[in-house]
Amino acid sequence: MSHATPGPLEVFIPFWGDPDLLYATVESVKAQTDPAWVVTVVDDCYPDPDVATHFAREVDPRIRYERNATNLGIEANFQRCLDLASGELMMFMGCDDLLEPGFVARTHALVQMHPEADIIQPGVRVIDDDGTPATTLADLVKARLRPRVSAPVVLTGEPLAASLLRGNWLYWPSLVFRTERVQRFAFRRDLPIILDLALVIDMLADGAALLLDPEVTFAYRRHATSLSGTALADGSRFTQDRRYFADAAEQMHRVGWPRAARAAGWRWTSRLHGLAALPHAARSQRRAGLAQALRHAFGR
């Protein structure tokens, strides 16, 4: 059954990072086979005036540049992107990731095929700092956890929530949202590392549907020195994880999803993450990080 063509995809890029990678990200959007897109770069006061100069020279009217008056931080900058959205479809693209040329066309086709979908998870390939194919333990785990599908499949309800709470196999910067649906919620300001999962679980608890597409149309850049990697060294990642999963277990009980509540309570993949982080925490010589990793893996 065919449905009306959706409007332009709004690509929001919350920026704090390498300007050259940002420019490559924007170029990957400009290379789309489907021209129905709009890019908004939201610069969180990155200390390089050349970024503003670069976008001042941009002649494509579909590319917009916003610079925050003050540094908001990751959670508030994501929220600003969400508040700025006004179209039918939006995404929070990483400022170092890449779209394959057919990403927008595939997104529009999927929305027409599955108008019931509120979130789209496209197929993803992983690249490293240099743009070459990469495979990390985290990505191998995601691949094992992710449902194996040979065609686009719509997932909903407790089975999906339980699956994600056992182990988050989504690639957040690649997700496309129906704007009206995602704007019902807000990012949690106290969870900068896990705010993505928290928002998705909130949406699922409210009845949202996720479309899982096996066709690879997105390149996710995996960095060794990411925000989450830094948070592993000092232990803050694990503190946030425990707080969130305790909250999620209560949330799942409230909506009557006992299996999802148990998945949140056990948080097996999160515990395994703590085990895997022990060597890194030990090498970093940060005793707090090591203690948090041990507590996260074996404690409650």
C-alpha atoms as a PDB file:
ATOM      1  CA  MET A   1       0.000   0.000   0.000  1.00  0.00           C
ATOM      2  CA  SER A   2       1.433   3.369  -1.047  1.00  0.00           C
ATOM      3  CA  HIS A   3       1.250   6.439   1.173  1.00  0.00           C
ATOM      4  CA  ALA A   4       1.996  10.114   0.644  1.00  0.00           C
ATOM      5  CA  THR A   5       5.665  11.001   0.303  1.00  0.00           C
ATOM      6  CA  PRO A   6       6.958  12.410   3.604  1.00  0.00           C
ATOM      7  CA  GLY A   7       8.566  15.832   3.751  1.00  0.00           C
ATOM      8  CA  PRO A   8      12.306  16.515   3.864  1.00  0.00           C
ATOM      9  CA  LEU A   9      14.364  14.638   6.419  1.00  0.00           C
ATOM     10  CA  GLU A  10      15.680  17.084   9.030  1.00  0.00           C
ATOM     11  CA  VAL A  11      19.253  16.122   9.856  1.00  0.00           C
ATOM     12  CA  PHE A  12      20.352  17.751  13.111  1.00  0.00           C
ATOM     13  CA  ILE A  13      24.076  17.603  13.879  1.00  0.00           C
ATOM     14  CA  PRO A  14      24.895  18.575  17.489  1.00  0.00           C
ATOM     15  CA  PHE A  15      28.507  19.657  17.129  1.00  0.00           C
ATOM     16  CA  TRP A  16      31.501  19.536  19.411  1.00  0.00           C
ATOM     17  CA  GLY A  17      34.504  17.854  17.867  1.00  0.00           C
ATOM     18  CA  ASP A  18      36.794  17.729  14.856  1.00  0.00           C
ATOM     19  CA  PRO A  19      35.720  20.364  12.290  1.00  0.00           C
ATOM     20  CA  ASP A  20      37.132  18.359   9.374  1.00  0.00           C
ATOM     21  CA  LEU A  21      35.044  15.343  10.327  1.00  0.00           C
ATOM     22  CA  LEU A  22      32.007  17.623  10.648  1.00  0.00           C
ATOM     23  CA  TYR A  23      32.560  18.940   7.129  1.00  0.00           C
ATOM     24  CA  ALA A  24      32.824  15.363   5.831  1.00  0.00           C
ATOM     25  CA  THR A  25      29.555  14.536   7.600  1.00  0.00           C
ATOM     26  CA  VAL A  26      27.785  17.430   5.886  1.00  0.00           C
ATOM     27  CA  GLU A  27      29.306  16.477   2.526  1.00  0.00           C
ATOM     28  CA  SER A  28      27.869  12.985   2.913  1.00  0.00           C
ATOM     29  CA  VAL A  29      24.415  14.538   3.259  1.00  0.00           C
ATOM     30  CA  LYS A  30      24.995  16.755   0.235  1.00  0.00           C
ATOM     31  CA  ALA A  31      25.834  13.623  -1.775  1.00  0.00           C
ATOM     32  CA  GLN A  32      22.358  12.093  -1.266  1.00  0.00           C
ATOM     33  CA  THR A  33      20.505  10.788  -4.303  1.00  0.00           C
ATOM     34  CA  ASP A  34      17.264  12.113  -2.801  1.00  0.00           C
ATOM     35  CA  PRO A  35      17.475  15.920  -2.399  1.00  0.00           C
ATOM     36  CA  ALA A  36      14.647  16.108   0.167  1.00  0.00           C
ATOM     37  CA  TRP A  37      16.708  16.902   3.252  1.00  0.00           C
ATOM     38  CA  VAL A  38      17.679  19.803   5.475  1.00  0.00           C
ATOM     39  CA  VAL A  39      20.812  19.961   7.663  1.00  0.00           C
ATOM     40  CA  THR A  40      21.078  22.021  10.841  1.00  0.00           C
ATOM     41  CA  VAL A  41      24.461  22.111  12.564  1.00  0.00           C
ATOM     42  CA  VAL A  42      24.034  23.133  16.209  1.00  0.00           C
ATOM     43  CA  ASP A  43      27.457  24.258  17.405  1.00  0.00           C
ATOM     44  CA  ASP A  44      27.777  24.057  21.180  1.00  0.00           C
ATOM     45  CA  CYS A  45      30.368  26.855  21.324  1.00  0.00           C
ATOM     46  CA  TYR A  46      33.240  24.814  19.944  1.00  0.00           C
ATOM     47  CA  PRO A  47      36.330  27.088  20.318  1.00  0.00           C
ATOM     48  CA  ASP A  48      37.209  27.402  16.625  1.00  0.00           C
ATOM     49  CA  PRO A  49      35.886  30.480  14.791  1.00  0.00           C
ATOM     50  CA  ASP A  50      36.680  28.858  11.442  1.00  0.00           C
ATOM     51  CA  VAL A  51      33.631  26.616  11.804  1.00  0.00           C
ATOM     52  CA  ALA A  52      31.257  29.580  11.629  1.00  0.00           C
ATOM     53  CA  THR A  53      33.293  31.020   8.755  1.00  0.00           C
ATOM     54  CA  HIS A  54      33.060  27.731   6.867  1.00  0.00           C
ATOM     55  CA  PHE A  55      29.277  27.631   7.043  1.00  0.00           C
ATOM     56  CA  ALA A  56      28.956  31.336   6.287  1.00  0.00           C
ATOM     57  CA  ARG A  57      30.436  30.459   2.874  1.00  0.00           C
ATOM     58  CA  GLU A  58      27.938  27.630   2.322  1.00  0.00           C
ATOM     59  CA  VAL A  59      25.597  28.426  -0.579  1.00  0.00           C
ATOM     60  CA  ASP A  60      23.190  25.492  -0.280  1.00  0.00           C
ATOM     61  CA  PRO A  61      20.044  26.886   1.403  1.00  0.00           C
ATOM     62  CA  ARG A  62      19.285  23.449   2.862  1.00  0.00           C
ATOM     63  CA  ILE A  63      22.306  23.750   5.159  1.00  0.00           C
ATOM     64  CA  ARG A  64      21.857  25.831   8.286  1.00  0.00           C
ATOM     65  CA  TYR A  65      24.287  26.699  11.050  1.00  0.00           C
ATOM     66  CA  GLU A  66      23.303  27.633  14.612  1.00  0.00           C
ATOM     67  CA  ARG A  67      25.767  28.482  17.375  1.00  0.00           C
ATOM     68  CA  ASN A  68      24.583  28.332  20.964  1.00  0.00           C
ATOM     69  CA  ALA A  69      25.040  31.525  22.977  1.00  0.00           C
ATOM     70  CA  THR A  70      26.721  29.477  25.711  1.00  0.00           C
ATOM     71  CA  ASN A  71      27.994  25.926  25.995  1.00  0.00           C
ATOM     72  CA  LEU A  72      24.960  23.814  26.879  1.00  0.00           C
ATOM     73  CA  GLY A  73      26.527  20.382  27.251  1.00  0.00           C
ATOM     74  CA  ILE A  74      25.546  17.215  25.443  1.00  0.00           C
ATOM     75  CA  GLU A  75      22.104  16.674  26.985  1.00  0.00           C
ATOM     76  CA  ALA A  76      20.885  20.253  26.567  1.00  0.00           C
ATOM     77  CA  ASN A  77      22.281  20.485  23.049  1.00  0.00           C
ATOM     78  CA  PHE A  78      20.398  17.351  22.046  1.00  0.00           C
ATOM     79  CA  GLN A  79      17.293  18.877  23.582  1.00  0.00           C
ATOM     80  CA  ARG A  80      17.820  22.058  21.594  1.00  0.00           C
ATOM     81  CA  CYS A  81      17.970  20.016  18.393  1.00  0.00           C
ATOM     82  CA  LEU A  82      14.745  18.287  19.377  1.00  0.00           C
ATOM     83  CA  ASP A  83      13.056  21.601  20.116  1.00  0.00           C
ATOM     84  CA  LEU A  84      14.157  23.061  16.753  1.00  0.00           C
ATOM     85  CA  ALA A  85      12.627  20.234  14.722  1.00  0.00           C
ATOM     86  CA  SER A  86       9.487  21.138  12.783  1.00  0.00           C
ATOM     87  CA  GLY A  87       9.244  18.637   9.932  1.00  0.00           C
ATOM     88  CA  GLU A  88       7.810  15.134   9.757  1.00  0.00           C
ATOM     89  CA  LEU A  89      11.111  13.246  10.125  1.00  0.00           C
ATOM     90  CA  MET A  90      14.276  14.042  12.070  1.00  0.00           C
ATOM     91  CA  MET A  91      17.537  12.515  13.259  1.00  0.00           C
ATOM     92  CA  PHE A  92      20.393  13.402  15.630  1.00  0.00           C
ATOM     93  CA  MET A  93      23.366  12.593  13.420  1.00  0.00           C
ATOM     94  CA  GLY A  94      26.847  12.323  14.899  1.00  0.00           C
ATOM     95  CA  CYS A  95      29.202  15.120  13.860  1.00  0.00           C
ATOM     96  CA  ASP A  96      31.702  12.537  12.583  1.00  0.00           C
ATOM     97  CA  ASP A  97      29.421   9.896  11.036  1.00  0.00           C
ATOM     98  CA  LEU A  98      28.546   9.472   7.360  1.00  0.00           C
ATOM     99  CA  LEU A  99      25.417   8.817   5.341  1.00  0.00           C
ATOM    100  CA  GLU A 100      25.654   6.449   2.412  1.00  0.00           C
ATOM    101  CA  PRO A 101      24.322   8.150  -0.761  1.00  0.00           C
ATOM    102  CA  GLY A 102      21.014   6.292  -0.624  1.00  0.00           C
ATOM    103  CA  PHE A 103      20.180   6.969   3.036  1.00  0.00           C
ATOM    104  CA  VAL A 104      17.506   9.637   2.521  1.00  0.00           C
ATOM    105  CA  ALA A 105      15.892   7.804  -0.412  1.00  0.00           C
ATOM    106  CA  ARG A 106      15.760   4.583   1.602  1.00  0.00           C
ATOM    107  CA  THR A 107      14.309   6.408   4.610  1.00  0.00           C
ATOM    108  CA  HIS A 108      11.527   7.937   2.559  1.00  0.00           C
ATOM    109  CA  ALA A 109      10.749   4.566   0.963  1.00  0.00           C
ATOM    110  CA  LEU A 110      10.588   2.861   4.368  1.00  0.00           C
ATOM    111  CA  VAL A 111       8.266   5.516   5.781  1.00  0.00           C
ATOM    112  CA  GLN A 112       5.912   5.018   2.854  1.00  0.00           C
ATOM    113  CA  MET A 113       6.012   1.223   3.232  1.00  0.00           C
ATOM    114  CA  HIS A 114       5.587   1.293   7.015  1.00  0.00           C
ATOM    115  CA  PRO A 115       3.659   4.402   8.109  1.00  0.00           C
ATOM    116  CA  GLU A 116       3.171   2.789  11.536  1.00  0.00           C
ATOM    117  CA  ALA A 117       6.898   3.076  12.320  1.00  0.00           C
ATOM    118  CA  ASP A 118       7.928   5.858  14.712  1.00  0.00           C
ATOM    119  CA  ILE A 119      11.660   5.031  14.776  1.00  0.00           C
ATOM    120  CA  ILE A 120      13.817   3.628  11.974  1.00  0.00           C
ATOM    121  CA  GLN A 121      17.040   1.741  12.645  1.00  0.00           C
ATOM    122  CA  PRO A 122      18.896   1.438   9.328  1.00  0.00           C
ATOM    123  CA  GLY A 123      21.634  -1.026   8.578  1.00  0.00           C
ATOM    124  CA  VAL A 124      24.986   0.296   9.857  1.00  0.00           C
ATOM    125  CA  ARG A 125      28.630  -0.275   9.042  1.00  0.00           C
ATOM    126  CA  VAL A 126      31.337   0.735  11.496  1.00  0.00           C
ATOM    127  CA  ILE A 127      34.413   2.765  10.573  1.00  0.00           C
ATOM    128  CA  ASP A 128      37.424   3.943  12.558  1.00  0.00           C
ATOM    129  CA  ASP A 129      39.083   7.347  12.923  1.00  0.00           C
ATOM    130  CA  ASP A 130      40.495   7.049   9.388  1.00  0.00           C
ATOM    131  CA  GLY A 131      37.249   5.911   7.796  1.00  0.00           C
ATOM    132  CA  THR A 132      38.316   2.304   7.266  1.00  0.00           C
ATOM    133  CA  PRO A 133      36.066  -0.616   8.266  1.00  0.00           C
ATOM    134  CA  ALA A 134      36.351  -1.463  11.961  1.00  0.00           C
ATOM    135  CA  THR A 135      35.089  -4.175  14.271  1.00  0.00           C
ATOM    136  CA  THR A 136      35.182  -3.747  18.029  1.00  0.00           C
ATOM    137  CA  LEU A 137      33.943  -5.959  20.831  1.00  0.00           C
ATOM    138  CA  ALA A 138      31.032  -3.572  21.368  1.00  0.00           C
ATOM    139  CA  ASP A 139      29.961  -3.924  17.748  1.00  0.00           C
ATOM    140  CA  LEU A 140      30.307  -7.710  17.796  1.00  0.00           C
ATOM    141  CA  VAL A 141      28.042  -7.805  20.854  1.00  0.00           C
ATOM    142  CA  LYS A 142      25.514  -5.501  19.180  1.00  0.00           C
ATOM    143  CA  ALA A 143      25.476  -7.772  16.121  1.00  0.00           C
ATOM    144  CA  ARG A 144      24.769 -10.817  18.296  1.00  0.00           C
ATOM    145  CA  LEU A 145      22.005  -9.074  20.227  1.00  0.00           C
ATOM    146  CA  ARG A 146      20.278  -7.443  17.267  1.00  0.00           C
ATOM    147  CA  PRO A 147      17.391  -9.464  15.755  1.00  0.00           C
ATOM    148  CA  ARG A 148      18.452 -11.014  12.466  1.00  0.00           C
ATOM    149  CA  VAL A 149      16.154  -9.913   9.682  1.00  0.00           C
ATOM    150  CA  SER A 150      16.380 -10.228   5.901  1.00  0.00           C
ATOM    151  CA  ALA A 151      13.768  -7.548   5.193  1.00  0.00           C
ATOM    152  CA  PRO A 152      12.430  -4.516   7.081  1.00  0.00           C
ATOM    153  CA  VAL A 153      10.552  -5.618  10.225  1.00  0.00           C
ATOM    154  CA  VAL A 154       8.461  -3.558  12.657  1.00  0.00           C
ATOM    155  CA  LEU A 155       9.151  -4.305  16.341  1.00  0.00           C
ATOM    156  CA  THR A 156       7.082  -3.116  19.294  1.00  0.00           C
ATOM    157  CA  GLY A 157       6.181  -3.490  22.933  1.00  0.00           C
ATOM    158  CA  GLU A 158       7.652  -5.547  25.727  1.00  0.00           C
ATOM    159  CA  PRO A 159       9.716  -7.944  23.558  1.00  0.00           C
ATOM    160  CA  LEU A 160      11.576  -5.005  22.023  1.00  0.00           C
ATOM    161  CA  ALA A 161      12.003  -3.184  25.327  1.00  0.00           C
ATOM    162  CA  ALA A 162      13.314  -6.334  27.010  1.00  0.00           C
ATOM    163  CA  SER A 163      15.737  -6.920  24.132  1.00  0.00           C
ATOM    164  CA  LEU A 164      17.169  -3.399  24.359  1.00  0.00           C
ATOM    165  CA  LEU A 165      17.398  -3.501  28.148  1.00  0.00           C
ATOM    166  CA  ARG A 166      19.334  -6.760  27.941  1.00  0.00           C
ATOM    167  CA  GLY A 167      21.737  -5.048  25.561  1.00  0.00           C
ATOM    168  CA  ASN A 168      21.355  -1.852  23.539  1.00  0.00           C
ATOM    169  CA  TRP A 169      21.953  -2.903  19.927  1.00  0.00           C
ATOM    170  CA  LEU A 170      20.796   0.411  18.436  1.00  0.00           C
ATOM    171  CA  TYR A 171      23.136   2.936  16.799  1.00  0.00           C
ATOM    172  CA  TRP A 172      21.698   6.176  18.111  1.00  0.00           C
ATOM    173  CA  PRO A 173      23.130   8.651  15.539  1.00  0.00           C
ATOM    174  CA  SER A 174      21.615   6.594  12.716  1.00  0.00           C
ATOM    175  CA  LEU A 175      18.051   6.542  14.066  1.00  0.00           C
ATOM    176  CA  VAL A 176      15.322   8.437  12.231  1.00  0.00           C
ATOM    177  CA  PHE A 177      12.316   9.583  14.251  1.00  0.00           C
ATOM    178  CA  ARG A 178       8.843  10.774  13.482  1.00  0.00           C
ATOM    179  CA  THR A 179       9.150  14.251  14.915  1.00  0.00           C
ATOM    180  CA  GLU A 180       5.658  14.470  16.379  1.00  0.00           C
ATOM    181  CA  ARG A 181       6.255  11.214  18.281  1.00  0.00           C
ATOM    182  CA  VAL A 182       9.711  11.936  19.678  1.00  0.00           C
ATOM    183  CA  GLN A 183       8.830  15.483  20.705  1.00  0.00           C
ATOM    184  CA  ARG A 184       6.446  14.091  23.315  1.00  0.00           C
ATOM    185  CA  PHE A 185       9.518  13.322  25.409  1.00  0.00           C
ATOM    186  CA  ALA A 186      12.589  15.075  26.762  1.00  0.00           C
ATOM    187  CA  PHE A 187      16.187  14.014  27.255  1.00  0.00           C
ATOM    188  CA  ARG A 188      17.212  13.204  30.798  1.00  0.00           C
ATOM    189  CA  ARG A 189      19.749  15.813  31.886  1.00  0.00           C
ATOM    190  CA  ASP A 190      21.364  13.478  34.427  1.00  0.00           C
ATOM    191  CA  LEU A 191      22.280  10.751  31.894  1.00  0.00           C
ATOM    192  CA  PRO A 192      24.621  12.179  29.228  1.00  0.00           C
ATOM    193  CA  ILE A 193      26.046   8.749  28.353  1.00  0.00           C
ATOM    194  CA  ILE A 194      22.823   6.726  28.258  1.00  0.00           C
ATOM    195  CA  LEU A 195      20.277   9.411  27.361  1.00  0.00           C
ATOM    196  CA  ASP A 196      19.690   7.767  23.974  1.00  0.00           C
ATOM    197  CA  LEU A 197      18.448   4.468  25.379  1.00  0.00           C
ATOM    198  CA  ALA A 198      16.387   6.266  28.013  1.00  0.00           C
ATOM    199  CA  LEU A 199      14.524   8.270  25.366  1.00  0.00           C
ATOM    200  CA  VAL A 200      13.869   5.231  23.168  1.00  0.00           C
ATOM    201  CA  ILE A 201      12.559   3.180  26.106  1.00  0.00           C
ATOM    202  CA  ASP A 202      10.262   6.077  27.054  1.00  0.00           C
ATOM    203  CA  MET A 203       8.893   6.027  23.504  1.00  0.00           C
ATOM    204  CA  LEU A 204       8.376   2.258  23.492  1.00  0.00           C
ATOM    205  CA  ALA A 205       6.565   2.395  26.834  1.00  0.00           C
ATOM    206  CA  ASP A 206       4.234   4.926  25.197  1.00  0.00           C
ATOM    207  CA  GLY A 207       3.452   2.561  22.323  1.00  0.00           C
ATOM    208  CA  ALA A 208       6.012   3.598  19.699  1.00  0.00           C
ATOM    209  CA  ALA A 209       7.069   1.140  16.980  1.00  0.00           C
ATOM    210  CA  LEU A 210      10.601   0.627  15.652  1.00  0.00           C
ATOM    211  CA  LEU A 211      11.403  -0.436  12.096  1.00  0.00           C
ATOM    212  CA  LEU A 212      14.592  -2.505  11.764  1.00  0.00           C
ATOM    213  CA  ASP A 213      16.045  -2.372   8.265  1.00  0.00           C
ATOM    214  CA  PRO A 214      18.927  -4.662   7.224  1.00  0.00           C
ATOM    215  CA  GLU A 215      20.008  -2.503   4.271  1.00  0.00           C
ATOM    216  CA  VAL A 216      23.241  -0.688   5.185  1.00  0.00           C
ATOM    217  CA  THR A 217      22.905   3.047   4.578  1.00  0.00           C
ATOM    218  CA  PHE A 218      24.850   4.581   7.501  1.00  0.00           C
ATOM    219  CA  ALA A 219      28.533   4.638   8.553  1.00  0.00           C
ATOM    220  CA  TYR A 220      29.088   4.943  12.296  1.00  0.00           C
ATOM    221  CA  ARG A 221      32.514   6.174  13.382  1.00  0.00           C
ATOM    222  CA  ARG A 222      33.888   4.340  16.402  1.00  0.00           C
ATOM    223  CA  HIS A 223      36.546   6.354  18.291  1.00  0.00           C
ATOM    224  CA  ALA A 224      38.885   5.057  20.972  1.00  0.00           C
ATOM    225  CA  THR A 225      38.750   8.417  22.794  1.00  0.00           C
ATOM    226  CA  SER A 226      35.003   8.988  22.888  1.00  0.00           C
ATOM    227  CA  LEU A 227      32.899  10.507  25.658  1.00  0.00           C
ATOM    228  CA  SER A 228      31.821   7.020  26.687  1.00  0.00           C
ATOM    229  CA  GLY A 229      35.450   5.836  26.669  1.00  0.00           C
ATOM    230  CA  THR A 230      36.456   8.645  29.001  1.00  0.00           C
ATOM    231  CA  ALA A 231      33.485   7.856  31.209  1.00  0.00           C
ATOM    232  CA  LEU A 232      34.670   4.248  31.424  1.00  0.00           C
ATOM    233  CA  ALA A 233      38.040   5.331  32.767  1.00  0.00           C
ATOM    234  CA  ASP A 234      36.638   7.467  35.578  1.00  0.00           C
ATOM    235  CA  GLY A 235      33.702   5.171  36.349  1.00  0.00           C
ATOM    236  CA  SER A 236      30.928   7.696  35.667  1.00  0.00           C
ATOM    237  CA  ARG A 237      29.519   5.509  32.887  1.00  0.00           C
ATOM    238  CA  PHE A 238      28.754   2.734  35.341  1.00  0.00           C
ATOM    239  CA  THR A 239      27.202   5.046  37.913  1.00  0.00           C
ATOM    240  CA  GLN A 240      24.815   6.322  35.249  1.00  0.00           C
ATOM    241  CA  ASP A 241      24.057   2.806  34.016  1.00  0.00           C
ATOM    242  CA  ARG A 242      23.076   1.527  37.447  1.00  0.00           C
ATOM    243  CA  ARG A 243      20.890   4.556  38.139  1.00  0.00           C
ATOM    244  CA  TYR A 244      19.164   4.277  34.782  1.00  0.00           C
ATOM    245  CA  PHE A 245      18.521   0.541  34.873  1.00  0.00           C
ATOM    246  CA  ALA A 246      17.040   0.799  38.364  1.00  0.00           C
ATOM    247  CA  ASP A 247      14.694   3.519  37.080  1.00  0.00           C
ATOM    248  CA  ALA A 248      13.893   1.493  33.954  1.00  0.00           C
ATOM    249  CA  ALA A 249      12.980  -1.576  36.008  1.00  0.00           C
ATOM    250  CA  GLU A 250      10.445   0.499  37.951  1.00  0.00           C
ATOM    251  CA  GLN A 251       9.140   2.029  34.710  1.00  0.00           C
ATOM    252  CA  MET A 252       8.643  -1.417  33.141  1.00  0.00           C
ATOM    253  CA  HIS A 253       6.754  -2.603  36.229  1.00  0.00           C
ATOM    254  CA  ARG A 254       4.469   0.428  35.951  1.00  0.00           C
ATOM    255  CA  VAL A 255       3.536  -0.341  32.345  1.00  0.00           C
ATOM    256  CA  GLY A 256       2.988  -4.032  33.132  1.00  0.00           C
ATOM    257  CA  TRP A 257       6.029  -5.466  31.348  1.00  0.00           C
ATOM    258  CA  PRO A 258       7.568  -7.921  33.848  1.00  0.00           C
ATOM    259  CA  ARG A 259       9.991  -9.494  31.364  1.00  0.00           C
ATOM    260  CA  ALA A 260      11.408  -6.086  30.458  1.00  0.00           C
ATOM    261  CA  ALA A 261      11.590  -5.200  34.160  1.00  0.00           C
ATOM    262  CA  ARG A 262      13.635  -8.336  34.835  1.00  0.00           C
ATOM    263  CA  ALA A 263      15.950  -7.516  31.922  1.00  0.00           C
ATOM    264  CA  ALA A 264      16.545  -4.061  33.375  1.00  0.00           C
ATOM    265  CA  GLY A 265      17.072  -5.477  36.850  1.00  0.00           C
ATOM    266  CA  TRP A 266      19.622  -8.049  35.742  1.00  0.00           C
ATOM    267  CA  ARG A 267      21.316  -5.744  33.155  1.00  0.00           C
ATOM    268  CA  TRP A 268      23.514  -8.630  32.032  1.00  0.00           C
ATOM    269  CA  THR A 269      25.150  -6.904  29.082  1.00  0.00           C
ATOM    270  CA  SER A 270      25.843  -3.837  31.187  1.00  0.00           C
ATOM    271  CA  ARG A 271      27.524  -6.059  33.794  1.00  0.00           C
ATOM    272  CA  LEU A 272      29.618  -7.718  31.085  1.00  0.00           C
ATOM    273  CA  HIS A 273      30.608  -4.232  29.978  1.00  0.00           C
ATOM    274  CA  GLY A 274      31.945  -3.671  33.468  1.00  0.00           C
ATOM    275  CA  LEU A 275      33.997  -6.875  33.264  1.00  0.00           C
ATOM    276  CA  ALA A 276      35.372  -5.947  29.853  1.00  0.00           C
ATOM    277  CA  ALA A 277      36.348  -2.507  31.173  1.00  0.00           C
ATOM    278  CA  LEU A 278      38.420  -3.850  34.069  1.00  0.00           C
ATOM    279  CA  PRO A 279      41.731  -4.034  32.131  1.00  0.00           C
ATOM    280  CA  HIS A 280      41.223  -0.515  30.721  1.00  0.00           C
ATOM    281  CA  ALA A 281      40.326   0.851  34.157  1.00  0.00           C
ATOM    282  CA  ALA A 282      43.403  -0.802  35.658  1.00  0.00           C
ATOM    283  CA  ARG A 283      45.706   0.594  32.970  1.00  0.00           C
ATOM    284  CA  SER A 284      44.286   4.085  33.425  1.00  0.00           C
ATOM    285  CA  GLN A 285      45.455   3.995  37.064  1.00  0.00           C
ATOM    286  CA  ARG A 286      42.222   5.665  38.134  1.00  0.00           C
ATOM    287  CA  ARG A 287      41.249   3.848  41.292  1.00  0.00           C
ATOM    288  CA  ALA A 288      37.736   5.276  41.215  1.00  0.00           C
ATOM    289  CA  GLY A 289      37.166   3.898  37.723  1.00  0.00           C
ATOM    290  CA  LEU A 290      38.464   0.460  38.706  1.00  0.00           C
ATOM    291  CA  ALA A 291      36.288   0.385  41.816  1.00  0.00           C
ATOM    292  CA  GLN A 292      33.213   1.403  39.828  1.00  0.00           C
ATOM    293  CA  ALA A 293      33.853  -1.262  37.173  1.00  0.00           C
ATOM    294  CA  LEU A 294      34.149  -3.946  39.872  1.00  0.00           C
ATOM    295  CA  ARG A 295      30.992  -2.758  41.621  1.00  0.00           C
ATOM    296  CA  HIS A 296      29.122  -2.572  38.339  1.00  0.00           C
ATOM    297  CA  ALA A 297      30.063  -6.104  37.295  1.00  0.00           C
ATOM    298  CA  PHE A 298      29.470  -7.853  40.602  1.00  0.00           C
ATOM    299  CA  GLY A 299      27.324  -5.563  42.742  1.00  0.00           C
ATOM    300  CA  ARG A 300      23.704  -4.489  42.710  1.00  0.00           C
END
